[in-house]
Amino acid sequence: MVLISHKQACRDLGLDPVQLRRWKKNVDKIRSLSKGSRKAIFNHPAQFPVLEDRLHTLILEKRQIGRKVGENWIRRHARVEFERLWPERVTIVEKKKVFAGMAFSNGWFTAFLKRKHLSLRQPTKRAQVVPGDYKDKITSWLQFNRRAHAKFNFELSEIANMDQTPISFEFLDNRTYDTTGVKTVFVKQTGSGWDRRQATLQILVHADGIQRCKPLLIFHGKNEDHRQKPKAGSLRREYKLYDSRVEVIPSLIL
């Protein structure tokens, strides 16, 4: 073991001198990390802890009654609470409110979520819960493939399984910020009815694992006049809005 200079260590490790000084400064925190961790993000203290505590209380109260909490809601109420706590720090410049010492930036928003252990969550549904007997179902499917292959001499490419699952139109709009780790994310239903309108996704899986059929997305409904065929021009304009990997086939309800 031979002592070397700071400059020599940077040269041998290929590091920037600032990075090495940062490591030496946080040596105790780095040694306390669990084995295999590549980096640690050290949380910065809140500049206005009273504001964040009141904002966090409002979020928990809103979530308690099942209301959704979005990013715009958090930013809007953060400005309202800031003005209530420190009205002398708020000025109006060109018809816009300016908050002295607080910019409500993306960095503050991300740090606030981390400090209060909040994250964007999807409301819990039955489809999100993995069945407890999913291993048995997979094993039964594989055993059926072997029996069919041995008894009827079917090729694996000739054995397929098809299933359909509903997809909500507002699958992503229902997300809300809630405490990280909670198992139940309750969201009150809206009166619009869009959260109950669904399309159907149909997937076909072959036993050999090769995808031969594209996923089929079915939108339920009918034309205003089912006796009149849609115009070719309107269909061509509509087809341009779809992804090139999606195949759309018009169907009429007769």
C-alpha atoms as a PDB file:
ATOM      1  CA  MET A   1       0.000   0.000   0.000  1.00  0.00           C
ATOM      2  CA  VAL A   2       1.561   3.255  -1.186  1.00  0.00           C
ATOM      3  CA  LEU A   3      -0.002   6.669  -0.609  1.00  0.00           C
ATOM      4  CA  ILE A   4      -0.651   8.611  -3.789  1.00  0.00           C
ATOM      5  CA  SER A   5      -1.721  12.159  -4.431  1.00  0.00           C
ATOM      6  CA  HIS A   6      -5.216  13.347  -5.278  1.00  0.00           C
ATOM      7  CA  LYS A   7      -4.072  14.174  -8.798  1.00  0.00           C
ATOM      8  CA  GLN A   8      -2.494  10.736  -9.286  1.00  0.00           C
ATOM      9  CA  ALA A   9      -5.701   8.996  -8.101  1.00  0.00           C
ATOM     10  CA  CYS A  10      -7.772  10.960 -10.607  1.00  0.00           C
ATOM     11  CA  ARG A  11      -5.357  10.039 -13.361  1.00  0.00           C
ATOM     12  CA  ASP A  12      -5.356   6.334 -12.464  1.00  0.00           C
ATOM     13  CA  LEU A  13      -9.153   6.074 -12.088  1.00  0.00           C
ATOM     14  CA  GLY A  14      -9.994   8.371 -14.993  1.00  0.00           C
ATOM     15  CA  LEU A  15     -12.079  10.664 -12.775  1.00  0.00           C
ATOM     16  CA  ASP A  16     -12.731  14.353 -12.660  1.00  0.00           C
ATOM     17  CA  PRO A  17     -11.124  15.972  -9.565  1.00  0.00           C
ATOM     18  CA  VAL A  18     -14.511  17.376  -8.500  1.00  0.00           C
ATOM     19  CA  GLN A  19     -16.030  13.888  -8.534  1.00  0.00           C
ATOM     20  CA  LEU A  20     -13.259  12.449  -6.371  1.00  0.00           C
ATOM     21  CA  ARG A  21     -13.587  15.295  -3.856  1.00  0.00           C
ATOM     22  CA  ARG A  22     -17.356  14.619  -3.707  1.00  0.00           C
ATOM     23  CA  TRP A  23     -16.683  10.944  -2.998  1.00  0.00           C
ATOM     24  CA  LYS A  24     -14.241  11.795  -0.203  1.00  0.00           C
ATOM     25  CA  LYS A  25     -16.745  14.189   1.318  1.00  0.00           C
ATOM     26  CA  ASN A  26     -19.556  11.583   1.335  1.00  0.00           C
ATOM     27  CA  VAL A  27     -17.373   8.586   2.184  1.00  0.00           C
ATOM     28  CA  ASP A  28     -19.465   7.648   5.253  1.00  0.00           C
ATOM     29  CA  LYS A  29     -22.738   7.768   3.280  1.00  0.00           C
ATOM     30  CA  ILE A  30     -21.234   5.714   0.454  1.00  0.00           C
ATOM     31  CA  ARG A  31     -19.989   3.039   2.861  1.00  0.00           C
ATOM     32  CA  SER A  32     -23.450   2.810   4.447  1.00  0.00           C
ATOM     33  CA  LEU A  33     -25.082   1.869   1.129  1.00  0.00           C
ATOM     34  CA  SER A  34     -26.263  -1.666   0.562  1.00  0.00           C
ATOM     35  CA  LYS A  35     -24.055  -4.007  -1.435  1.00  0.00           C
ATOM     36  CA  GLY A  36     -24.558  -3.649  -5.187  1.00  0.00           C
ATOM     37  CA  SER A  37     -25.823  -0.049  -5.084  1.00  0.00           C
ATOM     38  CA  ARG A  38     -24.221   2.032  -7.809  1.00  0.00           C
ATOM     39  CA  LYS A  39     -25.324   5.447  -6.591  1.00  0.00           C
ATOM     40  CA  ALA A  40     -27.281   7.164  -3.842  1.00  0.00           C
ATOM     41  CA  ILE A  41     -29.407  10.262  -4.253  1.00  0.00           C
ATOM     42  CA  PHE A  42     -29.150  12.398  -1.157  1.00  0.00           C
ATOM     43  CA  ASN A  43     -32.331  14.339  -0.480  1.00  0.00           C
ATOM     44  CA  HIS A  44     -31.995  18.087  -0.075  1.00  0.00           C
ATOM     45  CA  PRO A  45     -33.915  19.684   2.800  1.00  0.00           C
ATOM     46  CA  ALA A  46     -37.078  21.554   1.957  1.00  0.00           C
ATOM     47  CA  GLN A  47     -36.729  25.308   1.580  1.00  0.00           C
ATOM     48  CA  PHE A  48     -40.260  25.869   2.910  1.00  0.00           C
ATOM     49  CA  PRO A  49     -41.075  22.847   5.120  1.00  0.00           C
ATOM     50  CA  VAL A  50     -44.243  24.427   6.552  1.00  0.00           C
ATOM     51  CA  LEU A  51     -45.638  24.873   3.049  1.00  0.00           C
ATOM     52  CA  GLU A  52     -44.880  21.271   2.080  1.00  0.00           C
ATOM     53  CA  ASP A  53     -46.401  19.922   5.311  1.00  0.00           C
ATOM     54  CA  ARG A  54     -49.659  21.804   4.724  1.00  0.00           C
ATOM     55  CA  LEU A  55     -49.714  20.755   1.079  1.00  0.00           C
ATOM     56  CA  HIS A  56     -49.134  17.133   2.050  1.00  0.00           C
ATOM     57  CA  THR A  57     -52.015  17.320   4.543  1.00  0.00           C
ATOM     58  CA  LEU A  58     -54.339  18.647   1.815  1.00  0.00           C
ATOM     59  CA  ILE A  59     -53.325  15.777  -0.479  1.00  0.00           C
ATOM     60  CA  LEU A  60     -54.021  13.148   2.166  1.00  0.00           C
ATOM     61  CA  GLU A  61     -57.404  14.708   2.956  1.00  0.00           C
ATOM     62  CA  LYS A  62     -58.381  14.728  -0.699  1.00  0.00           C
ATOM     63  CA  ARG A  63     -57.249  11.123  -1.164  1.00  0.00           C
ATOM     64  CA  GLN A  64     -59.179  10.096   1.959  1.00  0.00           C
ATOM     65  CA  ILE A  65     -62.464  10.891   0.182  1.00  0.00           C
ATOM     66  CA  GLY A  66     -61.330   9.243  -3.058  1.00  0.00           C
ATOM     67  CA  ARG A  67     -60.615  12.369  -5.110  1.00  0.00           C
ATOM     68  CA  LYS A  68     -57.919  12.339  -7.783  1.00  0.00           C
ATOM     69  CA  VAL A  69     -54.801  14.416  -7.207  1.00  0.00           C
ATOM     70  CA  GLY A  70     -52.874  15.478 -10.291  1.00  0.00           C
ATOM     71  CA  GLU A  71     -49.754  17.521 -10.878  1.00  0.00           C
ATOM     72  CA  ASN A  72     -51.704  20.665 -11.793  1.00  0.00           C
ATOM     73  CA  TRP A  73     -53.752  20.359  -8.595  1.00  0.00           C
ATOM     74  CA  ILE A  74     -50.604  20.099  -6.468  1.00  0.00           C
ATOM     75  CA  ARG A  75     -48.930  23.085  -8.142  1.00  0.00           C
ATOM     76  CA  ARG A  76     -52.079  25.230  -7.929  1.00  0.00           C
ATOM     77  CA  HIS A  77     -52.654  24.561  -4.231  1.00  0.00           C
ATOM     78  CA  ALA A  78     -48.950  25.025  -3.484  1.00  0.00           C
ATOM     79  CA  ARG A  79     -49.190  28.577  -4.837  1.00  0.00           C
ATOM     80  CA  VAL A  80     -52.389  29.201  -2.847  1.00  0.00           C
ATOM     81  CA  GLU A  81     -50.821  27.984   0.398  1.00  0.00           C
ATOM     82  CA  PHE A  82     -47.649  29.983  -0.258  1.00  0.00           C
ATOM     83  CA  GLU A  83     -49.705  33.157  -0.666  1.00  0.00           C
ATOM     84  CA  ARG A  84     -51.618  32.432   2.570  1.00  0.00           C
ATOM     85  CA  LEU A  85     -48.420  31.881   4.558  1.00  0.00           C
ATOM     86  CA  TRP A  86     -46.312  34.684   3.109  1.00  0.00           C
ATOM     87  CA  PRO A  87     -48.499  37.271   1.377  1.00  0.00           C
ATOM     88  CA  GLU A  88     -45.669  39.831   1.516  1.00  0.00           C
ATOM     89  CA  ARG A  89     -43.591  37.576  -0.794  1.00  0.00           C
ATOM     90  CA  VAL A  90     -46.201  37.636  -3.565  1.00  0.00           C
ATOM     91  CA  THR A  91     -46.173  40.448  -6.121  1.00  0.00           C
ATOM     92  CA  ILE A  92     -47.964  40.965  -9.423  1.00  0.00           C
ATOM     93  CA  VAL A  93     -45.788  41.646 -12.453  1.00  0.00           C
ATOM     94  CA  GLU A  94     -47.455  42.042 -15.848  1.00  0.00           C
ATOM     95  CA  LYS A  95     -50.675  40.501 -14.554  1.00  0.00           C
ATOM     96  CA  LYS A  96     -48.799  37.442 -13.279  1.00  0.00           C
ATOM     97  CA  LYS A  97     -48.081  36.516  -9.674  1.00  0.00           C
ATOM     98  CA  VAL A  98     -44.410  36.262  -8.784  1.00  0.00           C
ATOM     99  CA  PHE A  99     -43.411  34.305  -5.667  1.00  0.00           C
ATOM    100  CA  ALA A 100     -40.184  35.590  -4.124  1.00  0.00           C
ATOM    101  CA  GLY A 101     -37.733  32.767  -3.453  1.00  0.00           C
ATOM    102  CA  MET A 102     -39.976  30.048  -4.889  1.00  0.00           C
ATOM    103  CA  ALA A 103     -40.273  29.049  -8.541  1.00  0.00           C
ATOM    104  CA  PHE A 104     -42.351  25.841  -8.187  1.00  0.00           C
ATOM    105  CA  SER A 105     -40.080  24.223 -10.758  1.00  0.00           C
ATOM    106  CA  ASN A 106     -39.986  20.615 -11.927  1.00  0.00           C
ATOM    107  CA  GLY A 107     -37.046  20.014  -9.614  1.00  0.00           C
ATOM    108  CA  TRP A 108     -39.028  21.207  -6.603  1.00  0.00           C
ATOM    109  CA  PHE A 109     -42.022  19.098  -7.623  1.00  0.00           C
ATOM    110  CA  THR A 110     -39.919  15.924  -7.973  1.00  0.00           C
ATOM    111  CA  ALA A 111     -38.144  16.562  -4.672  1.00  0.00           C
ATOM    112  CA  PHE A 112     -41.456  17.238  -2.899  1.00  0.00           C
ATOM    113  CA  LEU A 113     -42.862  13.897  -4.057  1.00  0.00           C
ATOM    114  CA  LYS A 114     -39.746  12.110  -2.851  1.00  0.00           C
ATOM    115  CA  ARG A 115     -39.694  13.840   0.524  1.00  0.00           C
ATOM    116  CA  LYS A 116     -43.355  13.036   1.169  1.00  0.00           C
ATOM    117  CA  HIS A 117     -43.166   9.515  -0.332  1.00  0.00           C
ATOM    118  CA  LEU A 118     -45.737  10.235  -3.044  1.00  0.00           C
ATOM    119  CA  SER A 119     -45.916   8.679  -6.488  1.00  0.00           C
ATOM    120  CA  LEU A 120     -48.272   8.498  -9.460  1.00  0.00           C
ATOM    121  CA  ARG A 121     -50.514   5.490  -8.898  1.00  0.00           C
ATOM    122  CA  GLN A 122     -53.083   3.594 -10.947  1.00  0.00           C
ATOM    123  CA  PRO A 123     -56.397   2.842  -9.178  1.00  0.00           C
ATOM    124  CA  THR A 124     -56.524  -0.770  -8.062  1.00  0.00           C
ATOM    125  CA  LYS A 125     -58.697  -3.044 -10.194  1.00  0.00           C
ATOM    126  CA  ARG A 126     -59.271  -6.755 -10.422  1.00  0.00           C
ATOM    127  CA  ALA A 127     -57.261  -6.887 -13.648  1.00  0.00           C
ATOM    128  CA  GLN A 128     -54.178  -5.631 -11.779  1.00  0.00           C
ATOM    129  CA  VAL A 129     -54.200  -8.522  -9.302  1.00  0.00           C
ATOM    130  CA  VAL A 130     -52.260 -11.543 -10.488  1.00  0.00           C
ATOM    131  CA  PRO A 131     -54.361 -14.709  -9.973  1.00  0.00           C
ATOM    132  CA  GLY A 132     -53.040 -16.910  -7.213  1.00  0.00           C
ATOM    133  CA  ASP A 133     -53.292 -20.036  -9.374  1.00  0.00           C
ATOM    134  CA  TYR A 134     -51.593 -18.571 -12.454  1.00  0.00           C
ATOM    135  CA  LYS A 135     -48.767 -21.123 -12.191  1.00  0.00           C
ATOM    136  CA  ASP A 136     -51.263 -23.979 -12.247  1.00  0.00           C
ATOM    137  CA  LYS A 137     -52.986 -22.504 -15.303  1.00  0.00           C
ATOM    138  CA  ILE A 138     -49.676 -22.195 -17.168  1.00  0.00           C
ATOM    139  CA  THR A 139     -48.735 -25.766 -16.255  1.00  0.00           C
ATOM    140  CA  SER A 140     -52.149 -27.042 -17.407  1.00  0.00           C
ATOM    141  CA  TRP A 141     -51.709 -25.230 -20.740  1.00  0.00           C
ATOM    142  CA  LEU A 142     -48.274 -26.791 -21.287  1.00  0.00           C
ATOM    143  CA  GLN A 143     -49.559 -30.252 -20.373  1.00  0.00           C
ATOM    144  CA  PHE A 144     -52.428 -29.872 -22.849  1.00  0.00           C
ATOM    145  CA  ASN A 145     -49.927 -29.001 -25.568  1.00  0.00           C
ATOM    146  CA  ARG A 146     -47.874 -32.132 -24.857  1.00  0.00           C
ATOM    147  CA  ARG A 147     -50.949 -34.400 -24.813  1.00  0.00           C
ATOM    148  CA  ALA A 148     -52.302 -32.947 -28.055  1.00  0.00           C
ATOM    149  CA  HIS A 149     -48.911 -33.264 -29.704  1.00  0.00           C
ATOM    150  CA  ALA A 150     -48.503 -36.913 -28.623  1.00  0.00           C
ATOM    151  CA  LYS A 151     -52.087 -38.122 -29.159  1.00  0.00           C
ATOM    152  CA  PHE A 152     -53.124 -36.269 -32.311  1.00  0.00           C
ATOM    153  CA  ASN A 153     -49.676 -35.511 -33.721  1.00  0.00           C
ATOM    154  CA  PHE A 154     -50.454 -31.799 -33.744  1.00  0.00           C
ATOM    155  CA  GLU A 155     -47.589 -29.430 -34.363  1.00  0.00           C
ATOM    156  CA  LEU A 156     -47.050 -26.695 -31.791  1.00  0.00           C
ATOM    157  CA  SER A 157     -47.740 -24.113 -34.483  1.00  0.00           C
ATOM    158  CA  GLU A 158     -51.241 -25.644 -34.863  1.00  0.00           C
ATOM    159  CA  ILE A 159     -52.140 -25.155 -31.175  1.00  0.00           C
ATOM    160  CA  ALA A 160     -53.291 -21.685 -30.148  1.00  0.00           C
ATOM    161  CA  ASN A 161     -55.064 -19.974 -27.296  1.00  0.00           C
ATOM    162  CA  MET A 162     -57.193 -16.844 -27.684  1.00  0.00           C
ATOM    163  CA  ASP A 163     -58.365 -14.482 -24.973  1.00  0.00           C
ATOM    164  CA  GLN A 164     -60.129 -11.131 -24.764  1.00  0.00           C
ATOM    165  CA  THR A 165     -59.766  -8.434 -22.143  1.00  0.00           C
ATOM    166  CA  PRO A 166     -61.576  -5.085 -21.759  1.00  0.00           C
ATOM    167  CA  ILE A 167     -59.641  -1.807 -22.025  1.00  0.00           C
ATOM    168  CA  SER A 168     -61.041   1.339 -20.456  1.00  0.00           C
ATOM    169  CA  PHE A 169     -61.066   4.545 -22.498  1.00  0.00           C
ATOM    170  CA  GLU A 170     -59.755   6.491 -19.491  1.00  0.00           C
ATOM    171  CA  PHE A 171     -57.136   3.988 -18.386  1.00  0.00           C
ATOM    172  CA  LEU A 172     -54.396   6.621 -17.993  1.00  0.00           C
ATOM    173  CA  ASP A 173     -56.562   9.595 -16.963  1.00  0.00           C
ATOM    174  CA  ASN A 174     -57.588   7.885 -13.729  1.00  0.00           C
ATOM    175  CA  ARG A 175     -54.092   7.959 -12.266  1.00  0.00           C
ATOM    176  CA  THR A 176     -53.567   9.967  -9.105  1.00  0.00           C
ATOM    177  CA  TYR A 177     -50.741  10.877  -6.766  1.00  0.00           C
ATOM    178  CA  ASP A 178     -50.887   8.843  -3.574  1.00  0.00           C
ATOM    179  CA  THR A 179     -48.601   7.515  -0.863  1.00  0.00           C
ATOM    180  CA  THR A 180     -46.006   5.107  -2.205  1.00  0.00           C
ATOM    181  CA  GLY A 181     -46.576   1.516  -1.118  1.00  0.00           C
ATOM    182  CA  VAL A 182     -50.292   1.598  -0.315  1.00  0.00           C
ATOM    183  CA  LYS A 183     -52.058  -1.477  -1.680  1.00  0.00           C
ATOM    184  CA  THR A 184     -55.469   0.098  -2.261  1.00  0.00           C
ATOM    185  CA  VAL A 185     -55.774   3.221  -4.417  1.00  0.00           C
ATOM    186  CA  PHE A 186     -59.405   4.331  -4.238  1.00  0.00           C
ATOM    187  CA  VAL A 187     -60.725   6.842  -6.791  1.00  0.00           C
ATOM    188  CA  LYS A 188     -64.306   8.081  -6.828  1.00  0.00           C
ATOM    189  CA  GLN A 189     -66.076   7.436 -10.125  1.00  0.00           C
ATOM    190  CA  THR A 190     -66.957  10.392 -12.308  1.00  0.00           C
ATOM    191  CA  GLY A 191     -70.391  10.975 -13.766  1.00  0.00           C
ATOM    192  CA  SER A 192     -69.298  11.210 -17.384  1.00  0.00           C
ATOM    193  CA  GLY A 193     -69.442   7.462 -17.954  1.00  0.00           C
ATOM    194  CA  TRP A 194     -66.236   7.358 -20.003  1.00  0.00           C
ATOM    195  CA  ASP A 195     -64.491   5.356 -17.293  1.00  0.00           C
ATOM    196  CA  ARG A 196     -67.069   2.574 -17.847  1.00  0.00           C
ATOM    197  CA  ARG A 197     -66.868   2.569 -21.658  1.00  0.00           C
ATOM    198  CA  GLN A 198     -64.468  -0.039 -22.877  1.00  0.00           C
ATOM    199  CA  ALA A 199     -62.919  -1.459 -25.971  1.00  0.00           C
ATOM    200  CA  THR A 200     -61.907  -5.120 -26.280  1.00  0.00           C
ATOM    201  CA  LEU A 201     -58.375  -6.387 -26.868  1.00  0.00           C
ATOM    202  CA  GLN A 202     -58.091  -9.857 -28.396  1.00  0.00           C
ATOM    203  CA  ILE A 203     -54.757 -11.699 -28.339  1.00  0.00           C
ATOM    204  CA  LEU A 204     -53.915 -15.025 -29.992  1.00  0.00           C
ATOM    205  CA  VAL A 205     -50.917 -16.997 -28.664  1.00  0.00           C
ATOM    206  CA  HIS A 206     -49.424 -20.068 -30.368  1.00  0.00           C
ATOM    207  CA  ALA A 207     -47.842 -22.906 -28.440  1.00  0.00           C
ATOM    208  CA  ASP A 208     -44.466 -22.517 -30.158  1.00  0.00           C
ATOM    209  CA  GLY A 209     -44.199 -18.898 -29.038  1.00  0.00           C
ATOM    210  CA  ILE A 210     -44.150 -17.404 -32.557  1.00  0.00           C
ATOM    211  CA  GLN A 211     -46.501 -14.467 -33.070  1.00  0.00           C
ATOM    212  CA  ARG A 212     -48.543 -15.045 -36.217  1.00  0.00           C
ATOM    213  CA  CYS A 213     -51.560 -12.820 -35.553  1.00  0.00           C
ATOM    214  CA  LYS A 214     -51.526  -9.171 -34.604  1.00  0.00           C
ATOM    215  CA  PRO A 215     -53.486  -8.049 -31.541  1.00  0.00           C
ATOM    216  CA  LEU A 216     -57.062  -7.135 -32.461  1.00  0.00           C
ATOM    217  CA  LEU A 217     -58.665  -4.034 -30.946  1.00  0.00           C
ATOM    218  CA  ILE A 218     -62.466  -3.952 -31.130  1.00  0.00           C
ATOM    219  CA  PHE A 219     -64.459  -0.749 -30.628  1.00  0.00           C
ATOM    220  CA  HIS A 220     -68.089  -1.497 -29.887  1.00  0.00           C
ATOM    221  CA  GLY A 221     -70.762   0.580 -31.580  1.00  0.00           C
ATOM    222  CA  LYS A 222     -72.467   1.156 -34.878  1.00  0.00           C
ATOM    223  CA  ASN A 223     -72.745   3.761 -37.590  1.00  0.00           C
ATOM    224  CA  GLU A 224     -75.461   6.377 -37.479  1.00  0.00           C
ATOM    225  CA  ASP A 225     -77.081   4.791 -40.515  1.00  0.00           C
ATOM    226  CA  HIS A 226     -76.108   1.109 -40.718  1.00  0.00           C
ATOM    227  CA  ARG A 227     -77.774   0.742 -44.118  1.00  0.00           C
ATOM    228  CA  GLN A 228     -75.419   3.270 -45.711  1.00  0.00           C
ATOM    229  CA  LYS A 229     -71.818   2.272 -46.380  1.00  0.00           C
ATOM    230  CA  PRO A 230     -69.162   4.746 -45.227  1.00  0.00           C
ATOM    231  CA  LYS A 231     -67.666   6.945 -47.893  1.00  0.00           C
ATOM    232  CA  ALA A 232     -64.263   5.890 -49.204  1.00  0.00           C
ATOM    233  CA  GLY A 233     -62.863   9.410 -48.925  1.00  0.00           C
ATOM    234  CA  SER A 234     -63.720   9.754 -45.250  1.00  0.00           C
ATOM    235  CA  LEU A 235     -62.218   6.328 -44.537  1.00  0.00           C
ATOM    236  CA  ARG A 236     -58.961   7.246 -46.251  1.00  0.00           C
ATOM    237  CA  ARG A 237     -58.671  10.408 -44.151  1.00  0.00           C
ATOM    238  CA  GLU A 238     -59.392   8.433 -40.999  1.00  0.00           C
ATOM    239  CA  TYR A 239     -56.880   5.689 -41.852  1.00  0.00           C
ATOM    240  CA  LYS A 240     -54.082   8.285 -42.015  1.00  0.00           C
ATOM    241  CA  LEU A 241     -54.608   8.958 -38.312  1.00  0.00           C
ATOM    242  CA  TYR A 242     -53.821   5.352 -37.350  1.00  0.00           C
ATOM    243  CA  ASP A 243     -50.359   3.961 -36.782  1.00  0.00           C
ATOM    244  CA  SER A 244     -48.914   2.176 -39.811  1.00  0.00           C
ATOM    245  CA  ARG A 245     -48.600  -1.026 -37.758  1.00  0.00           C
ATOM    246  CA  VAL A 246     -52.347  -1.093 -37.074  1.00  0.00           C
ATOM    247  CA  GLU A 247     -54.743  -2.742 -39.497  1.00  0.00           C
ATOM    248  CA  VAL A 248     -58.265  -1.252 -39.519  1.00  0.00           C
ATOM    249  CA  ILE A 249     -61.125  -3.080 -41.223  1.00  0.00           C
ATOM    250  CA  PRO A 250     -64.535  -1.367 -41.351  1.00  0.00           C
ATOM    251  CA  SER A 251     -67.548  -3.432 -40.421  1.00  0.00           C
ATOM    252  CA  LEU A 252     -71.267  -2.689 -40.709  1.00  0.00           C
ATOM    253  CA  ILE A 253     -74.005  -3.889 -38.406  1.00  0.00           C
ATOM    254  CA  LEU A 254     -76.794  -5.188 -40.615  1.00  0.00           C
END
